[in-house]
Protein backbone atom coordinates (compact mmCIF):
# COMPACT_ATOMS: atom_id res chain seq x y z
CA MET A 1 -57.71 -30.45 19.84
CA GLN A 2 -58.87 -27.37 17.93
CA ASN A 3 -62.00 -28.05 16.85
CA THR A 4 -65.56 -27.41 18.98
CA VAL A 5 -66.11 -29.66 21.01
CA ASN A 6 -69.13 -30.75 24.01
CA ILE A 7 -68.22 -31.05 27.52
CA ALA A 8 -70.81 -32.28 30.14
CA LEU A 9 -69.73 -30.78 33.42
CA GLN A 10 -70.91 -32.27 36.59
CA ILE A 11 -69.98 -31.04 39.76
CA LEU A 12 -71.13 -32.55 43.02
CA PRO A 13 -70.39 -30.63 45.98
CA ALA A 14 -70.37 -31.21 49.52
CA SER A 15 -70.61 -28.80 52.10
CA LYS A 16 -71.63 -28.94 56.42
CA ASP A 17 -73.07 -25.25 55.86
CA LYS A 18 -74.71 -24.97 52.18
CA HIS A 19 -76.94 -27.25 50.55
CA PRO A 20 -75.80 -28.55 47.44
CA TYR A 21 -77.88 -26.30 44.98
CA THR A 22 -76.71 -23.13 46.09
CA LEU A 23 -73.18 -24.12 45.40
CA VAL A 24 -74.09 -25.89 42.18
CA ASP A 25 -75.53 -22.47 41.26
CA GLU A 26 -72.42 -20.42 41.81
CA ALA A 27 -70.76 -22.99 39.11
CA ILE A 28 -73.67 -22.89 36.59
CA SER A 29 -73.20 -18.68 36.80
CA ILE A 30 -69.36 -18.95 36.14
CA ILE A 31 -70.80 -20.62 32.85
CA GLU A 32 -73.62 -18.55 32.25
CA ASN A 33 -70.89 -15.52 32.13
CA SER A 34 -68.15 -17.29 30.72
CA GLY A 35 -70.04 -16.38 26.86
CA LEU A 36 -69.59 -20.38 25.78
CA LYS A 37 -72.86 -21.62 24.02
CA TYR A 38 -74.28 -23.89 27.35
CA ARG A 39 -77.28 -26.42 28.41
CA VAL A 40 -78.27 -26.65 31.57
CA THR A 41 -79.92 -30.29 32.53
CA PRO A 42 -81.03 -31.56 35.46
CA PHE A 43 -77.92 -33.81 35.86
CA GLU A 44 -75.17 -32.04 34.36
CA THR A 45 -74.11 -29.05 32.29
CA VAL A 46 -72.83 -28.98 28.85
CA MET A 47 -71.33 -26.93 27.26
CA GLU A 48 -69.84 -26.49 23.88
CA GLY A 49 -66.61 -24.31 22.79
CA SER A 50 -62.68 -25.01 21.96
CA TYR A 51 -61.38 -27.92 24.32
CA ASP A 52 -59.22 -25.08 26.11
CA GLU A 53 -61.74 -22.56 26.92
CA ILE A 54 -64.49 -24.96 28.50
CA MET A 55 -61.47 -26.58 30.42
CA GLU A 56 -60.80 -22.76 32.16
CA VAL A 57 -64.35 -22.44 32.79
CA VAL A 58 -64.38 -25.79 34.51
CA LYS A 59 -61.93 -24.66 36.46
CA LYS A 60 -63.14 -21.26 37.22
CA ALA A 61 -66.91 -23.44 38.13
CA GLN A 62 -64.74 -25.46 41.06
CA GLU A 63 -63.31 -22.66 42.59
CA ALA A 64 -65.83 -20.68 42.78
CA CYS A 65 -67.78 -23.32 44.27
CA TYR A 66 -64.81 -23.81 47.25
CA ALA A 67 -65.24 -20.05 47.90
CA ALA A 68 -69.09 -20.30 48.33
CA GLY A 69 -68.01 -22.76 50.68
CA ALA A 70 -68.10 -26.52 49.70
CA ASP A 71 -65.56 -28.11 51.75
CA SER A 72 -65.32 -30.85 49.02
CA LEU A 73 -66.19 -31.66 45.17
CA MET A 74 -66.40 -34.65 42.86
CA THR A 75 -66.24 -33.58 39.59
CA TYR A 76 -67.44 -35.44 36.65
CA LEU A 77 -66.23 -34.61 33.13
CA LYS A 78 -68.06 -36.47 29.70
CA ILE A 79 -66.12 -35.56 26.12
CA GLN A 80 -67.07 -35.66 22.98
CA SER A 81 -65.30 -34.78 20.38
CA ALA A 82 -64.87 -35.55 16.02
CA LYS A 83 -62.49 -34.35 13.68
CA THR A 84 -65.04 -31.66 12.97
CA ASP A 85 -67.10 -29.71 15.33
CA VAL A 86 -69.25 -31.07 17.59
CA CYS A 87 -72.29 -28.77 18.34
CA ILE A 88 -75.14 -29.41 20.76
CA GLU A 89 -77.92 -28.48 18.08
CA ASP A 90 -76.87 -31.31 16.02
CA LYS A 91 -77.84 -33.93 18.81
CA MET A 92 -80.65 -31.74 20.66
CA GLU A 93 -82.49 -30.39 17.54
CA LYS A 94 -85.32 -33.09 17.29
CA TYR A 95 -86.41 -32.92 20.89
CA ASP A 96 -86.40 -29.12 21.17
CA ILE A 97 -90.32 -27.87 21.20
């Protein structure tokens, strides 16, 4: 997959000592610093880029959650790919205010 794809990432961390939002913030920080185009929503974060780039960010986001104190993670991905590039704006532009 060489074209631009969209991948939605939802990480649901569990920890005896940390609030889940604190752990999710660590994952979002990894995404923010990745250089990829992304959009945070209430249930997941959507990223835009090459498949391999995004999957590396997914791995780092999971590692960051564990490093921050997660005991376990449930990680869900949704992937949109096409023969041409897939862009966040194509799906969202009519909703942006």
